[in-house]
Amino acid sequence: MAKTLTRKQILESAAQRVGNAAAHRIVYDDPPGIREATEYEHQAKRVIEQKGWNDMEIARFREIAIRRAKKELGKRVQVEHGLTLEAALNEAIEKIDAFIAKDLQK
């Protein structure tokens, strides 16, 4: 029997996926990387659509997604990409905010 996730677990899981997707879109700009990022976003959207979210939960989602993106970017941003970690993180935050505006329901 499948375990039912709590609201907190749903929120954290989806935020982790969105943070991963944002980082992948920046670092891996090739078709396989974009497909993987799209799949992460699709998984997150499928999970979070089950609930409505309040402002505090949305803020928490954003915080978790940004932290995850920063962790992933810190591992992968290299000089060859022509990006600093700060510039890459700013770009990731824009992608996270766009996802929240489009897909996270209140």
Protein backbone atom coordinates (compact mmCIF):
# COMPACT_ATOMS: atom_id res chain seq x y z
CA MET A 1 0.00 0.00 0.00
CA ALA A 2 1.37 3.41 -0.97
CA LYS A 3 2.16 5.89 1.77
CA THR A 4 0.29 9.18 1.61
CA LEU A 5 2.61 12.16 1.64
CA THR A 6 2.02 15.10 3.96
CA ARG A 7 1.57 18.62 2.56
CA LYS A 8 5.09 19.44 3.73
CA GLN A 9 6.55 16.41 1.95
CA ILE A 10 4.66 17.22 -1.24
CA LEU A 11 5.86 20.82 -1.15
CA GLU A 12 9.48 19.88 -0.45
CA SER A 13 9.57 17.17 -3.11
CA ALA A 14 8.14 19.46 -5.78
CA ALA A 15 10.44 22.33 -4.79
CA GLN A 16 13.50 20.05 -5.04
CA ARG A 17 12.45 19.05 -8.55
CA VAL A 18 11.89 22.65 -9.65
CA GLY A 19 15.28 23.68 -8.26
CA ASN A 20 16.91 20.80 -10.13
CA ALA A 21 15.09 21.76 -13.32
CA ALA A 22 16.20 25.39 -13.09
CA ALA A 23 19.84 24.36 -12.61
CA HIS A 24 19.67 21.85 -15.47
CA ARG A 25 18.25 24.43 -17.87
CA ILE A 26 21.24 26.66 -17.16
CA VAL A 27 24.04 24.11 -17.10
CA TYR A 28 22.82 21.56 -19.65
CA ASP A 29 21.46 23.55 -22.56
CA ASP A 30 21.51 20.53 -24.89
CA PRO A 31 18.39 18.50 -25.83
CA PRO A 32 18.94 15.71 -23.25
CA GLY A 33 19.43 18.28 -20.47
CA ILE A 34 16.34 20.21 -21.47
CA ARG A 35 14.30 16.98 -21.61
CA GLU A 36 15.43 16.09 -18.11
CA ALA A 37 14.57 19.58 -16.81
CA THR A 38 11.16 19.38 -18.47
CA GLU A 39 10.54 16.01 -16.83
CA TYR A 40 11.46 17.40 -13.39
CA GLU A 41 9.02 20.28 -13.92
CA HIS A 42 6.29 17.93 -15.12
CA GLN A 43 6.73 15.72 -12.05
CA ALA A 44 6.58 18.74 -9.74
CA LYS A 45 3.50 20.14 -11.44
CA ARG A 46 1.70 16.80 -11.29
CA VAL A 47 2.28 16.59 -7.53
CA ILE A 48 1.52 20.19 -6.54
CA GLU A 49 -1.68 20.41 -8.58
CA GLN A 50 -3.32 18.15 -6.01
CA LYS A 51 -3.48 20.95 -3.44
CA GLY A 52 -3.93 24.69 -3.09
CA TRP A 53 -1.07 26.54 -1.40
CA ASN A 54 -1.03 29.54 0.93
CA ASP A 55 1.46 32.40 0.78
CA MET A 56 3.71 30.93 3.49
CA GLU A 57 3.87 27.59 1.68
CA ILE A 58 4.66 29.29 -1.62
CA ALA A 59 7.46 31.27 0.06
CA ARG A 60 8.81 28.03 1.54
CA PHE A 61 8.60 26.33 -1.87
CA ARG A 62 10.64 29.17 -3.39
CA GLU A 63 13.23 28.99 -0.61
CA ILE A 64 13.70 25.23 -1.01
CA ALA A 65 13.84 25.42 -4.82
CA ILE A 66 16.46 28.20 -4.71
CA ARG A 67 18.56 26.29 -2.18
CA ARG A 68 18.43 23.17 -4.37
CA ALA A 69 19.33 25.13 -7.52
CA LYS A 70 22.27 26.75 -5.72
CA LYS A 71 23.53 23.35 -4.57
CA GLU A 72 23.27 21.89 -8.08
CA LEU A 73 24.82 24.94 -9.72
CA GLY A 74 27.66 25.01 -7.21
CA LYS A 75 28.57 21.49 -8.31
CA ARG A 76 28.32 22.18 -12.03
CA VAL A 77 28.92 25.82 -12.97
CA GLN A 78 32.32 25.98 -14.57
CA VAL A 79 34.40 28.62 -16.25
CA GLU A 80 33.60 27.07 -19.65
CA HIS A 81 29.96 28.09 -19.25
CA GLY A 82 30.99 31.71 -18.93
CA LEU A 83 28.84 32.12 -15.81
CA THR A 84 29.62 32.92 -12.24
CA LEU A 85 27.68 31.10 -9.56
CA GLU A 86 25.90 34.36 -8.73
CA ALA A 87 24.82 34.96 -12.35
CA ALA A 88 23.70 31.35 -12.75
CA LEU A 89 21.76 31.50 -9.49
CA ASN A 90 20.03 34.72 -10.53
CA GLU A 91 18.97 33.05 -13.77
CA ALA A 92 17.74 30.00 -11.84
CA ILE A 93 15.71 32.23 -9.50
CA GLU A 94 14.00 33.78 -12.53
CA LYS A 95 13.07 30.29 -13.75
CA ILE A 96 11.81 29.26 -10.30
CA ASP A 97 9.72 32.44 -9.99
CA ALA A 98 8.24 31.82 -13.44
CA PHE A 99 7.26 28.28 -12.44
CA ILE A 100 5.66 29.55 -9.23
CA ALA A 101 3.70 32.25 -11.05
CA LYS A 102 2.48 29.82 -13.69
CA ASP A 103 1.96 26.55 -11.84
CA LEU A 104 1.65 27.02 -8.08
CA GLN A 105 -1.99 27.60 -7.16
CA LYS A 106 -3.17 29.49 -4.13
